[in-house]
Amino acid sequence: MGGYLNPGSDLFEMALRSQIFVDKSGLIEKTNRCVRTLQRYICVSRPRRFGKSMGVDMLAAYYDRSVDTKNLFQELKINSTEEYEKHLNQYDVLKINMQEFLSATENIDQMLRMLNDYLLFDLKEQYGQVRFRDENSLVQVMKDVYSYTKHPFVILIDEWDCLFREYQQDQEAQKKYLDFLRFWLKDKEYVALAYMTGILPIKKYGSHSALNMFTEYSMTDPGDLAEYFGFTETEVKILCKKYEMSFEEASAWYNGYHLISHEEGVRRVHSMYSPKSVVEAMQKRKFGTYWNQTETYEALKVYIQMNMDGLKDTIIEMLAGEKARINTGTFSNDMTTFATKDDVLTLLVHLGYLTYDNEKETVEIPNREVSQEYVNAISTMDWTEVIQSINASRKLLEALWDMDSEKVANGIEQAHKEISILEYNDENSLSCAVNLAFYFAREYYTIIREMPGGRGFADICMIPRKIHLDKPAVMIELKWDKSAEGAIQQIKNKEYIDALKDYQGDLLLAGINYDKKTKKHSCIIEKWNL
């Protein structure tokens, strides 16, 4: 393990030299506003591979007073901000990756002892001329260094939460760790900025509120740091243009993390993409599942097979494109304390397997890449009926293209039987079954629920993406205990087709009805000339 005091700019320079570098230096402007204020404690939690460590490396290069990094930032956005030079290379930086210490030790006591000793070694080696009042106390040594240099510390902690992920059952170890961080950081004059990143938020480890001085920026409450972790839609468009890749396909694969913030009274919705996925897709010139290669679907499987309070039903509904209302307020910010299914779903938000709308308080599966992780997990579980339905969805889509009404009706019938937990009691449950039955359609289509058109909303509209314009668009109207003919007629009478007036390709109209007496589905498919 290398030096922790004033680590320099090598890692950030590597990022700058990379084939793909996206300028996130606006993050520095946000942290500069907090330096040497009561808001100087910041914790950012995001899923794996969302650019957290790169942000830490950038902050280290900017604040470290042992190097001159003005040339590194002169072409970046931060260079044009008001307080850019005021804080550039003005602080002693302590940069720590907690995972390194945890991996090198066998228990929390060893970890904290090693962390304490290594930091003391660096400080005393650098400032041997200082007369220390207690050479074995990290807090006292840092007080003495600050008194001598008049330069406070910027403390950067990456993977701050690794102990809570690896020592999941050991509450005593967790408490010792929190006590250490509190004693080291809280209300200390030598702290100009304490900036931590991890996957989990901080606040609720039992009743122990050791780190309540931190302002948190998470997947459920991103604040004004939303755009600095992950790639924005604009950034992905620029990369797609440069690498001659389809932005529409990139969006279908990797978009879906919609983080809502209110900055200075202005509501902003940030559509964020996993940087790992986008970079891999651009470099390999191929869209695929890249984000979670470092951690298999087994991690997801552990949580979704708990099936608390009907969790299975909710997962199936989200696979069909539904949203689920949840209460994030009971989540204990660990990976073992689950009182309700909402706690499991909230953890999946922080892990990146769901996206959360903090206004509507709903969650959904963000995109095609993550949806595939659910399919991978379910395929190794006892959810055989769901996998059978998903596997059958390819043939069902082909039957739709062939305008084989009987096969489509039978296919939806079979999907309904296989997914017996989704009880039919209204049009919405029918919609859920139909969407899951046509799961494979996402390969080719942008699927819009309740698409506005004419004098109402079409239930399901499938619009082929640009690289699949050889496929017909599809407009589906669902009926509950009425008739498929009536469904087709409604599409025509209410002029739903007007919504596709600018569309140039083929269009299929499909009416699907479920008869609650016979418990049978019927279907009519017509070709419509636009």
Protein backbone atom coordinates (compact mmCIF):
# COMPACT_ATOMS: atom_id res chain seq x y z
CA MET A 1 0.00 0.00 0.00
CA GLY A 2 1.38 3.37 -1.06
CA GLY A 3 1.67 6.75 0.62
CA TYR A 4 -1.52 8.36 1.88
CA LEU A 5 -0.35 11.90 2.58
CA ASN A 6 -0.33 14.11 -0.53
CA PRO A 7 -0.60 11.28 -3.09
CA GLY A 8 -0.08 13.58 -6.09
CA SER A 9 -1.86 13.45 -9.43
CA ASP A 10 -0.63 10.26 -11.15
CA LEU A 11 -3.99 8.46 -11.11
CA PHE A 12 -5.90 11.48 -12.37
CA GLU A 13 -3.33 12.00 -15.13
CA MET A 14 -3.97 8.39 -16.23
CA ALA A 15 -7.67 9.21 -16.49
CA LEU A 16 -6.89 12.33 -18.55
CA ARG A 17 -4.75 10.27 -20.93
CA SER A 18 -7.44 7.60 -21.38
CA GLN A 19 -9.10 7.02 -24.71
CA ILE A 20 -12.39 8.17 -23.20
CA PHE A 21 -12.35 10.96 -20.63
CA VAL A 22 -15.49 12.85 -19.63
CA ASP A 23 -14.96 16.12 -17.79
CA LYS A 24 -16.56 15.94 -14.31
CA SER A 25 -14.49 18.77 -12.85
CA GLY A 26 -17.70 20.64 -12.00
CA LEU A 27 -17.66 18.44 -8.90
CA ILE A 28 -14.71 20.53 -7.63
CA GLU A 29 -16.80 23.70 -7.78
CA LYS A 30 -19.37 21.99 -5.53
CA THR A 31 -16.77 20.81 -3.00
CA ASN A 32 -15.02 24.22 -3.03
CA ARG A 33 -18.23 25.78 -1.74
CA CYS A 34 -18.06 23.48 1.28
CA VAL A 35 -14.34 23.79 2.13
CA ARG A 36 -13.77 25.21 5.61
CA THR A 37 -17.50 25.64 6.25
CA LEU A 38 -19.94 23.71 8.45
CA GLN A 39 -20.92 21.81 5.27
CA ARG A 40 -17.40 20.40 4.84
CA TYR A 41 -18.52 16.79 5.42
CA ILE A 42 -19.76 15.10 2.20
CA CYS A 43 -20.71 11.47 1.54
CA VAL A 44 -21.53 10.30 -1.98
CA SER A 45 -23.09 6.85 -2.44
CA ARG A 46 -23.51 5.32 -5.90
CA PRO A 47 -23.48 1.80 -7.41
CA ARG A 48 -20.25 0.15 -8.52
CA ARG A 49 -18.54 1.54 -11.61
CA PHE A 50 -20.24 4.94 -11.51
CA GLY A 51 -17.03 6.99 -11.41
CA LYS A 52 -16.68 7.45 -7.64
CA SER A 53 -12.97 6.59 -7.45
CA MET A 54 -12.11 8.77 -10.45
CA GLY A 55 -13.78 11.66 -8.61
CA VAL A 56 -11.59 11.00 -5.56
CA ASP A 57 -8.44 10.93 -7.73
CA MET A 58 -9.46 14.24 -9.34
CA LEU A 59 -10.05 15.93 -5.97
CA ALA A 60 -6.68 14.67 -4.70
CA ALA A 61 -4.91 16.12 -7.75
CA TYR A 62 -6.69 19.44 -7.33
CA TYR A 63 -6.23 20.04 -3.59
CA ASP A 64 -2.78 18.43 -3.02
CA ARG A 65 -0.28 21.18 -2.11
CA SER A 66 2.76 19.00 -2.81
CA VAL A 67 2.25 19.27 -6.58
CA ASP A 68 1.48 21.96 -9.15
CA THR A 69 -1.47 20.72 -11.21
CA LYS A 70 -2.66 23.96 -12.78
CA ASN A 71 -1.79 22.65 -16.24
CA LEU A 72 -3.99 19.56 -15.71
CA PHE A 73 -7.10 21.62 -15.10
CA GLN A 74 -6.61 24.52 -17.51
CA GLU A 75 -8.67 22.85 -20.26
CA LEU A 76 -11.40 21.61 -17.90
CA LYS A 77 -14.67 23.27 -16.85
CA ILE A 78 -13.46 24.06 -13.32
CA ASN A 79 -10.87 26.49 -14.74
CA SER A 80 -13.57 29.05 -15.52
CA THR A 81 -15.10 29.14 -12.02
CA GLU A 82 -14.70 31.94 -9.54
CA GLU A 83 -12.77 30.21 -6.76
CA TYR A 84 -10.71 27.87 -8.95
CA GLU A 85 -7.28 29.24 -8.01
CA LYS A 86 -8.16 30.00 -4.40
CA HIS A 87 -8.19 26.30 -3.46
CA LEU A 88 -5.87 24.82 -6.11
CA ASN A 89 -2.93 22.97 -4.46
CA GLN A 90 -3.58 24.58 -1.07
CA TYR A 91 -4.15 21.63 1.28
CA ASP A 92 -2.51 18.59 2.76
CA VAL A 93 -4.46 15.65 1.35
CA LEU A 94 -4.98 12.29 3.05
CA LYS A 95 -6.37 9.82 0.53
CA ILE A 96 -7.48 6.39 1.74
CA ASN A 97 -9.17 3.40 0.17
CA MET A 98 -10.69 1.52 3.13
CA GLN A 99 -10.97 -1.69 1.11
CA GLU A 100 -7.16 -1.93 1.00
CA PHE A 101 -6.94 -1.91 4.78
CA LEU A 102 -9.87 -4.28 5.26
CA SER A 103 -8.47 -6.78 2.76
CA ALA A 104 -5.04 -6.73 4.42
CA THR A 105 -6.33 -7.53 7.92
CA GLU A 106 -8.39 -10.18 9.68
CA ASN A 107 -10.59 -8.10 11.96
CA ILE A 108 -11.67 -4.53 12.66
CA ASP A 109 -9.14 -3.99 15.45
CA GLN A 110 -6.26 -4.89 13.12
CA MET A 111 -7.71 -2.73 10.39
CA LEU A 112 -8.02 0.37 12.57
CA ARG A 113 -4.58 -0.18 14.08
CA MET A 114 -2.98 -0.50 10.64
CA LEU A 115 -4.86 2.55 9.34
CA ASN A 116 -3.78 4.59 12.36
CA ASP A 117 -0.13 3.46 12.10
CA TYR A 118 0.17 4.03 8.35
CA LEU A 119 -1.27 7.54 8.54
CA LEU A 120 0.96 8.38 11.50
CA PHE A 121 4.01 7.10 9.62
CA ASP A 122 3.32 9.33 6.61
CA LEU A 123 2.62 12.39 8.74
CA LYS A 124 5.69 12.02 10.97
CA GLU A 125 7.95 11.26 8.01
CA GLN A 126 6.78 14.36 6.16
CA TYR A 127 6.76 16.64 9.20
CA GLY A 128 9.64 15.30 11.30
CA GLN A 129 10.53 18.84 12.36
CA VAL A 130 7.23 19.21 14.26
CA ARG A 131 7.27 18.62 18.02
CA PHE A 132 4.37 16.22 18.62
CA ARG A 133 2.59 16.22 21.95
CA ASP A 134 1.54 12.57 21.50
CA GLU A 135 3.24 10.67 18.69
CA ASN A 136 0.79 7.74 18.93
CA SER A 137 -2.41 9.77 18.62
CA LEU A 138 -3.54 10.40 15.03
CA VAL A 139 -5.82 13.24 16.13
CA GLN A 140 -3.09 14.96 18.15
CA VAL A 141 -0.48 14.58 15.42
CA MET A 142 -2.83 16.12 12.86
CA LYS A 143 -3.60 18.99 15.26
CA ASP A 144 0.14 19.60 15.69
CA VAL A 145 0.81 19.46 11.92
CA TYR A 146 -2.02 21.89 11.25
CA SER A 147 -0.76 24.23 13.98
CA TYR A 148 2.68 24.16 12.35
CA THR A 149 1.70 24.48 8.64
CA LYS A 150 -1.53 26.51 8.90
CA HIS A 151 -2.77 24.31 6.05
CA PRO A 152 -5.80 22.18 7.04
CA PHE A 153 -6.42 18.72 5.61
CA VAL A 154 -8.62 17.48 2.80
CA ILE A 155 -9.48 13.90 3.77
CA LEU A 156 -10.67 11.65 0.93
CA ILE A 157 -12.05 8.21 1.82
CA ASP A 158 -12.98 5.76 -0.94
CA GLU A 159 -15.00 2.57 -0.26
CA TRP A 160 -15.88 4.01 3.16
CA ASP A 161 -18.68 1.43 3.59
CA CYS A 162 -16.76 -1.75 2.71
CA LEU A 163 -16.81 -2.87 6.35
CA PHE A 164 -20.61 -2.74 6.39
CA ARG A 165 -20.72 -4.86 3.26
CA GLU A 166 -18.19 -7.47 4.43
CA TYR A 167 -18.88 -7.54 8.19
CA GLN A 168 -22.63 -7.59 7.68
CA GLN A 169 -23.54 -9.28 10.98
CA ASP A 170 -20.89 -7.79 13.26
CA GLN A 171 -22.53 -4.73 14.80
CA GLU A 172 -19.75 -4.33 17.36
CA ALA A 173 -17.16 -4.03 14.58
CA GLN A 174 -19.36 -1.54 12.77
CA LYS A 175 -19.72 0.57 15.92
CA LYS A 176 -15.93 0.61 16.51
CA TYR A 177 -15.37 1.79 12.95
CA LEU A 178 -17.96 4.56 13.21
CA ASP A 179 -16.53 5.66 16.56
CA PHE A 180 -13.07 5.86 14.98
CA LEU A 181 -14.33 8.01 12.09
CA ARG A 182 -16.32 10.28 14.39
CA PHE A 183 -13.42 10.86 16.79
CA TRP A 184 -11.02 11.48 13.89
CA LEU A 185 -13.22 13.81 11.82
CA LYS A 186 -16.06 15.41 13.75
CA ASP A 187 -15.64 19.05 14.81
CA LYS A 188 -11.91 19.02 14.08
CA GLU A 189 -10.39 22.32 12.99
CA TYR A 190 -7.76 20.51 10.93
CA VAL A 191 -10.51 19.20 8.58
CA ALA A 192 -11.00 21.54 5.61
CA LEU A 193 -13.03 18.91 3.75
CA ALA A 194 -13.97 15.30 4.52
CA TYR A 195 -15.24 13.58 1.39
CA MET A 196 -16.31 9.92 1.43
CA THR A 197 -17.66 7.64 -1.27
CA GLY A 198 -19.24 4.20 -1.13
CA ILE A 199 -22.25 2.19 -2.22
CA LEU A 200 -24.34 2.56 0.93
CA PRO A 201 -25.58 5.77 2.58
CA ILE A 202 -24.64 6.50 6.19
CA LYS A 203 -27.33 7.44 8.59
CA LYS A 204 -29.11 4.48 10.07
CA TYR A 205 -26.77 1.87 11.50
CA GLY A 206 -29.02 0.95 14.39
CA SER A 207 -29.50 3.88 16.73
CA HIS A 208 -25.85 4.91 16.34
CA SER A 209 -25.69 8.28 14.58
CA ALA A 210 -21.93 8.68 14.76
CA LEU A 211 -21.55 10.46 11.42
CA ASN A 212 -24.55 12.77 11.46
CA MET A 213 -22.33 15.71 10.43
CA PHE A 214 -22.20 14.40 6.85
CA THR A 215 -24.44 15.64 4.05
CA GLU A 216 -25.41 12.66 1.91
CA TYR A 217 -25.82 12.48 -1.86
CA SER A 218 -27.33 9.11 -2.76
CA MET A 219 -29.33 7.31 -5.45
CA THR A 220 -32.52 8.18 -3.58
CA ASP A 221 -31.55 11.80 -2.85
CA PRO A 222 -28.78 12.92 -5.25
CA GLY A 223 -28.95 16.65 -4.50
CA ASP A 224 -26.88 18.93 -6.72
CA LEU A 225 -24.20 16.27 -7.31
CA ALA A 226 -26.44 14.13 -9.54
CA GLU A 227 -24.66 14.86 -12.84
CA TYR A 228 -21.13 14.13 -11.59
CA PHE A 229 -21.47 10.36 -11.16
CA GLY A 230 -22.39 8.50 -14.31
CA PHE A 231 -22.56 9.99 -17.81
CA THR A 232 -25.32 12.45 -18.74
CA GLU A 233 -27.44 12.08 -21.86
CA THR A 234 -25.52 14.92 -23.55
CA GLU A 235 -22.18 13.28 -22.76
CA VAL A 236 -23.36 9.94 -24.19
CA LYS A 237 -24.64 11.63 -27.37
CA ILE A 238 -21.19 13.18 -27.91
CA LEU A 239 -19.49 9.80 -27.44
CA CYS A 240 -21.95 8.04 -29.76
CA LYS A 241 -21.26 10.62 -32.46
CA LYS A 242 -17.50 10.27 -32.03
CA TYR A 243 -17.58 6.47 -32.16
CA GLU A 244 -20.35 6.28 -34.80
CA MET A 245 -22.64 4.32 -32.50
CA SER A 246 -26.42 4.62 -32.28
CA PHE A 247 -27.50 6.89 -29.43
CA GLU A 248 -30.98 5.35 -29.60
CA GLU A 249 -29.48 1.91 -28.92
CA ALA A 250 -27.21 3.27 -26.19
CA SER A 251 -30.29 4.76 -24.54
CA ALA A 252 -32.23 1.48 -24.74
CA TRP A 253 -29.33 -0.44 -23.22
CA TYR A 254 -27.98 1.93 -20.57
CA ASN A 255 -30.34 4.86 -19.86
CA GLY A 256 -32.90 4.76 -17.08
CA TYR A 257 -31.31 6.17 -13.93
CA HIS A 258 -33.43 9.31 -13.65
CA LEU A 259 -32.11 11.30 -10.71
CA ILE A 260 -34.24 14.26 -9.67
CA SER A 261 -32.72 17.24 -7.88
CA HIS A 262 -33.88 20.71 -6.86
CA GLU A 263 -31.04 23.17 -7.26
CA GLU A 264 -31.65 26.76 -6.17
CA GLY A 265 -35.37 26.19 -6.53
CA VAL A 266 -35.12 24.70 -10.03
CA ARG A 267 -36.27 21.12 -10.59
CA ARG A 268 -33.85 19.12 -12.72
CA VAL A 269 -34.10 15.56 -14.01
CA HIS A 270 -30.73 13.96 -14.78
CA SER A 271 -30.77 10.91 -17.08
CA MET A 272 -27.61 9.11 -15.99
CA TYR A 273 -25.80 6.22 -17.68
CA SER A 274 -23.33 3.73 -16.20
CA PRO A 275 -19.87 4.96 -17.35
CA LYS A 276 -18.47 1.42 -17.36
CA SER A 277 -21.15 0.23 -19.79
CA VAL A 278 -20.91 3.20 -22.15
CA VAL A 279 -17.10 3.15 -22.29
CA GLU A 280 -17.02 -0.61 -23.00
CA ALA A 281 -19.71 -0.30 -25.69
CA MET A 282 -17.90 2.55 -27.44
CA GLN A 283 -14.48 0.88 -27.32
CA LYS A 284 -15.78 -2.53 -28.44
CA ARG A 285 -18.24 -1.01 -30.95
CA LYS A 286 -20.87 -3.35 -29.55
CA PHE A 287 -23.78 -2.93 -27.16
CA GLY A 288 -23.99 -5.57 -24.44
CA THR A 289 -24.02 -6.20 -20.70
CA TYR A 290 -20.83 -4.70 -19.23
CA TRP A 291 -21.72 -2.87 -16.01
CA ASN A 292 -21.93 -5.92 -13.78
CA GLN A 293 -19.14 -8.08 -15.15
CA THR A 294 -17.16 -7.55 -11.95
CA GLU A 295 -20.01 -8.86 -9.79
CA THR A 296 -22.25 -11.67 -11.03
CA TYR A 297 -26.03 -11.86 -10.85
CA GLU A 298 -25.56 -14.03 -7.73
CA ALA A 299 -25.58 -10.83 -5.64
CA LEU A 300 -28.99 -9.89 -7.05
CA LYS A 301 -30.27 -13.44 -6.62
CA VAL A 302 -29.64 -13.37 -2.86
CA TYR A 303 -32.10 -10.53 -2.39
CA ILE A 304 -34.88 -11.25 -4.86
CA GLN A 305 -35.34 -14.84 -3.69
CA MET A 306 -36.23 -13.63 -0.18
CA ASN A 307 -39.78 -13.05 -1.48
CA MET A 308 -40.83 -10.90 1.49
CA ASP A 309 -44.39 -9.52 1.37
CA GLY A 310 -44.90 -10.55 -2.25
CA LEU A 311 -41.51 -9.36 -3.48
CA LYS A 312 -41.66 -11.95 -6.26
CA ASP A 313 -44.88 -10.46 -7.64
CA THR A 314 -43.31 -6.99 -7.63
CA ILE A 315 -40.16 -8.17 -9.44
CA ILE A 316 -42.26 -9.89 -12.13
CA GLU A 317 -44.37 -6.77 -12.58
CA MET A 318 -41.23 -4.65 -12.97
CA LEU A 319 -39.85 -7.11 -15.54
CA ALA A 320 -43.06 -6.40 -17.44
CA GLY A 321 -42.23 -2.68 -17.34
CA GLU A 322 -44.34 -1.70 -14.33
CA LYS A 323 -43.33 0.69 -11.56
CA ALA A 324 -43.72 -0.14 -7.88
CA ARG A 325 -44.44 2.28 -5.04
CA ILE A 326 -42.06 1.96 -2.10
CA ASN A 327 -41.23 3.59 1.20
CA THR A 328 -37.47 4.12 1.51
CA GLY A 329 -37.76 5.52 5.03
CA THR A 330 -37.41 2.21 6.90
CA PHE A 331 -34.20 1.13 5.17
CA SER A 332 -31.44 0.60 7.74
CA ASN A 333 -28.58 1.25 5.29
CA ASP A 334 -27.09 -2.19 5.68
CA MET A 335 -27.34 -5.42 3.72
CA THR A 336 -28.98 -7.64 6.33
CA THR A 337 -31.72 -5.74 8.16
CA PHE A 338 -34.90 -6.10 6.12
CA ALA A 339 -38.21 -5.44 7.83
CA THR A 340 -40.27 -5.29 4.60
CA LYS A 341 -39.91 -5.83 0.88
CA ASP A 342 -39.47 -2.06 0.57
CA ASP A 343 -36.16 -2.37 2.43
CA VAL A 344 -34.96 -4.97 -0.11
CA LEU A 345 -36.08 -2.78 -3.02
CA THR A 346 -34.33 0.26 -1.49
CA LEU A 347 -31.08 -1.69 -1.24
CA LEU A 348 -31.46 -2.66 -4.92
CA VAL A 349 -31.72 1.06 -5.73
CA HIS A 350 -28.38 1.75 -4.01
CA LEU A 351 -26.80 -1.26 -5.74
CA GLY A 352 -27.99 0.04 -9.14
CA TYR A 353 -30.50 -2.72 -9.89
CA LEU A 354 -33.45 -0.32 -9.67
CA THR A 355 -33.95 3.40 -10.24
CA TYR A 356 -35.97 5.55 -7.83
CA ASP A 357 -38.26 8.49 -8.54
CA ASN A 358 -38.09 10.53 -5.35
CA GLU A 359 -41.16 12.58 -6.29
CA LYS A 360 -43.54 9.72 -7.10
CA GLU A 361 -41.76 7.37 -4.65
CA THR A 362 -41.63 4.57 -7.22
CA VAL A 363 -38.96 2.16 -8.43
CA GLU A 364 -38.46 0.39 -11.75
CA ILE A 365 -35.82 -1.60 -13.62
CA PRO A 366 -33.77 1.09 -15.40
CA ASN A 367 -32.77 -0.45 -18.71
CA ARG A 368 -32.20 -3.48 -20.89
CA GLU A 369 -28.75 -4.23 -19.47
CA VAL A 370 -29.99 -4.44 -15.89
CA SER A 371 -33.15 -6.28 -16.93
CA GLN A 372 -30.88 -8.99 -18.33
CA GLU A 373 -29.29 -9.38 -14.88
CA TYR A 374 -32.72 -10.17 -13.44
CA VAL A 375 -33.31 -12.74 -16.19
CA ASN A 376 -29.90 -14.29 -15.49
CA ALA A 377 -30.67 -14.51 -11.77
CA ILE A 378 -34.19 -15.88 -12.24
CA SER A 379 -32.97 -18.50 -14.72
CA THR A 380 -30.99 -20.18 -11.89
CA MET A 381 -33.87 -20.02 -9.38
CA ASP A 382 -37.16 -21.87 -9.08
CA TRP A 383 -39.07 -19.17 -10.96
CA THR A 384 -39.42 -21.56 -13.90
CA GLU A 385 -42.79 -20.20 -15.02
CA VAL A 386 -41.36 -16.69 -15.47
CA ILE A 387 -38.35 -17.89 -17.48
CA GLN A 388 -40.63 -20.09 -19.63
CA SER A 389 -42.73 -17.05 -20.42
CA ILE A 390 -39.68 -14.92 -21.26
CA ASN A 391 -38.21 -17.69 -23.42
CA ALA A 392 -41.55 -18.10 -25.24
CA SER A 393 -41.77 -14.36 -25.92
CA ARG A 394 -39.61 -14.64 -29.05
CA LYS A 395 -42.09 -16.99 -30.75
CA LEU A 396 -45.00 -14.87 -29.57
CA LEU A 397 -43.48 -11.79 -31.21
CA GLU A 398 -42.98 -13.71 -34.44
CA ALA A 399 -46.63 -14.79 -34.32
CA LEU A 400 -47.61 -11.13 -33.96
CA TRP A 401 -45.52 -10.19 -37.00
CA ASP A 402 -47.15 -13.06 -38.93
CA MET A 403 -50.56 -11.71 -37.87
CA ASP A 404 -51.44 -15.13 -36.45
CA SER A 405 -54.19 -14.07 -34.03
CA GLU A 406 -54.79 -17.55 -32.69
CA LYS A 407 -51.13 -18.12 -31.83
CA VAL A 408 -50.91 -14.72 -30.12
CA ALA A 409 -54.03 -15.43 -28.04
CA ASN A 410 -52.71 -18.88 -27.11
CA GLY A 411 -49.28 -17.47 -26.26
CA ILE A 412 -50.72 -14.88 -23.89
CA GLU A 413 -52.97 -17.60 -22.47
CA GLN A 414 -49.94 -19.74 -21.72
CA ALA A 415 -48.04 -16.82 -20.19
CA HIS A 416 -50.99 -16.13 -17.91
CA LYS A 417 -51.12 -19.75 -16.78
CA GLU A 418 -47.39 -19.86 -16.14
CA ILE A 419 -47.44 -16.62 -14.16
CA SER A 420 -50.33 -17.67 -11.99
CA ILE A 421 -49.28 -15.36 -9.15
CA LEU A 422 -50.45 -12.41 -11.25
CA GLU A 423 -54.15 -12.70 -10.58
CA TYR A 424 -56.38 -11.19 -13.24
CA ASN A 425 -58.77 -8.75 -11.69
CA ASP A 426 -58.58 -5.71 -13.93
CA GLU A 427 -57.20 -4.32 -17.18
CA ASN A 428 -53.92 -3.37 -15.49
CA SER A 429 -53.11 -6.97 -14.57
CA LEU A 430 -53.92 -7.99 -18.14
CA SER A 431 -51.52 -5.29 -19.34
CA CYS A 432 -48.79 -6.63 -17.05
CA ALA A 433 -49.20 -10.20 -18.38
CA VAL A 434 -49.19 -9.01 -22.01
CA ASN A 435 -46.05 -6.92 -21.49
CA LEU A 436 -44.20 -9.82 -19.88
CA ALA A 437 -45.41 -12.16 -22.64
CA PHE A 438 -43.87 -9.75 -25.17
CA TYR A 439 -40.64 -9.32 -23.14
CA PHE A 440 -38.44 -10.08 -26.17
CA ALA A 441 -39.98 -7.15 -28.08
CA ARG A 442 -37.51 -4.87 -26.24
CA GLU A 443 -34.84 -6.27 -28.55
CA TYR A 444 -36.38 -4.28 -31.39
CA TYR A 445 -38.80 -1.72 -29.98
CA THR A 446 -39.19 1.29 -27.79
CA ILE A 447 -42.30 0.33 -25.82
CA ILE A 448 -44.59 3.12 -24.63
CA ARG A 449 -47.40 2.49 -22.16
CA GLU A 450 -50.54 4.60 -22.54
CA MET A 451 -49.22 6.58 -25.48
CA PRO A 452 -51.32 9.74 -26.00
CA GLY A 453 -52.95 10.00 -29.40
CA GLY A 454 -56.16 11.41 -30.82
CA ARG A 455 -58.78 11.41 -28.07
CA GLY A 456 -57.20 9.12 -25.51
CA PHE A 457 -54.30 6.78 -24.78
CA ALA A 458 -53.29 3.62 -26.61
CA ASP A 459 -52.57 0.90 -24.02
CA ILE A 460 -49.29 -0.35 -25.53
CA CYS A 461 -47.38 1.08 -28.45
CA MET A 462 -44.25 -0.58 -29.87
CA ILE A 463 -42.14 1.68 -32.08
CA PRO A 464 -39.18 0.04 -33.86
CA ARG A 465 -35.80 1.62 -33.17
CA LYS A 466 -33.89 2.95 -36.17
CA ILE A 467 -31.77 -0.13 -36.72
CA HIS A 468 -34.95 -2.28 -36.79
CA LEU A 469 -37.14 -0.28 -39.17
CA ASP A 470 -37.84 -3.48 -41.13
CA LYS A 471 -40.17 -4.45 -38.25
CA PRO A 472 -43.72 -3.08 -38.10
CA ALA A 473 -44.86 -0.68 -35.41
CA VAL A 474 -47.55 -2.20 -33.19
CA MET A 475 -50.46 -0.58 -31.38
CA ILE A 476 -52.23 -2.80 -28.82
CA GLU A 477 -55.53 -2.08 -27.09
CA LEU A 478 -56.58 -4.28 -24.18
CA LYS A 479 -60.10 -5.10 -23.06
CA TRP A 480 -61.34 -6.73 -19.88
CA ASP A 481 -64.44 -8.89 -20.35
CA LYS A 482 -65.53 -7.10 -23.52
CA SER A 483 -64.27 -8.01 -27.01
CA ALA A 484 -61.16 -7.94 -29.19
CA GLU A 485 -63.28 -6.39 -31.95
CA GLY A 486 -64.21 -3.56 -29.62
CA ALA A 487 -60.55 -3.02 -28.80
CA ILE A 488 -59.62 -2.65 -32.49
CA GLN A 489 -62.57 -0.34 -33.03
CA GLN A 490 -61.50 1.86 -30.12
CA ILE A 491 -58.05 2.37 -31.68
CA LYS A 492 -59.76 3.61 -34.85
CA ASN A 493 -62.58 5.61 -33.26
CA LYS A 494 -60.40 7.49 -30.81
CA GLU A 495 -57.79 8.20 -33.47
CA TYR A 496 -54.90 6.74 -31.47
CA ILE A 497 -53.11 6.24 -34.78
CA ASP A 498 -52.65 10.03 -35.02
CA ALA A 499 -49.79 9.61 -32.54
CA LEU A 500 -47.84 7.83 -35.30
CA LYS A 501 -48.71 10.21 -38.15
CA ASP A 502 -45.00 10.95 -38.74
CA TYR A 503 -44.08 7.26 -38.75
CA GLN A 504 -43.29 5.91 -42.25
CA GLY A 505 -43.23 2.13 -41.77
CA ASP A 506 -45.79 -0.65 -41.45
CA LEU A 507 -48.27 -0.62 -38.58
CA LEU A 508 -50.14 -3.49 -36.96
CA LEU A 509 -53.22 -2.96 -34.79
CA ALA A 510 -53.93 -5.64 -32.19
CA GLY A 511 -57.01 -5.94 -29.99
CA ILE A 512 -56.74 -8.35 -27.04
CA ASN A 513 -59.59 -9.28 -24.72
CA TYR A 514 -59.84 -11.47 -21.64
CA ASP A 515 -63.19 -13.13 -20.94
CA LYS A 516 -63.49 -13.67 -17.19
CA LYS A 517 -66.23 -16.30 -17.60
CA THR A 518 -64.42 -18.55 -20.06
CA LYS A 519 -61.01 -17.44 -18.71
CA LYS A 520 -59.84 -17.21 -22.32
CA HIS A 521 -58.00 -14.57 -24.31
CA SER A 522 -59.05 -13.55 -27.82
CA CYS A 523 -57.05 -11.51 -30.31
CA ILE A 524 -57.60 -9.70 -33.60
CA ILE A 525 -54.69 -8.30 -35.64
CA GLU A 526 -55.07 -5.93 -38.59
CA LYS A 527 -52.56 -4.25 -40.85
CA TRP A 528 -53.04 -0.49 -41.12
CA ASN A 529 -51.74 1.67 -43.94
CA LEU A 530 -50.46 5.03 -42.68
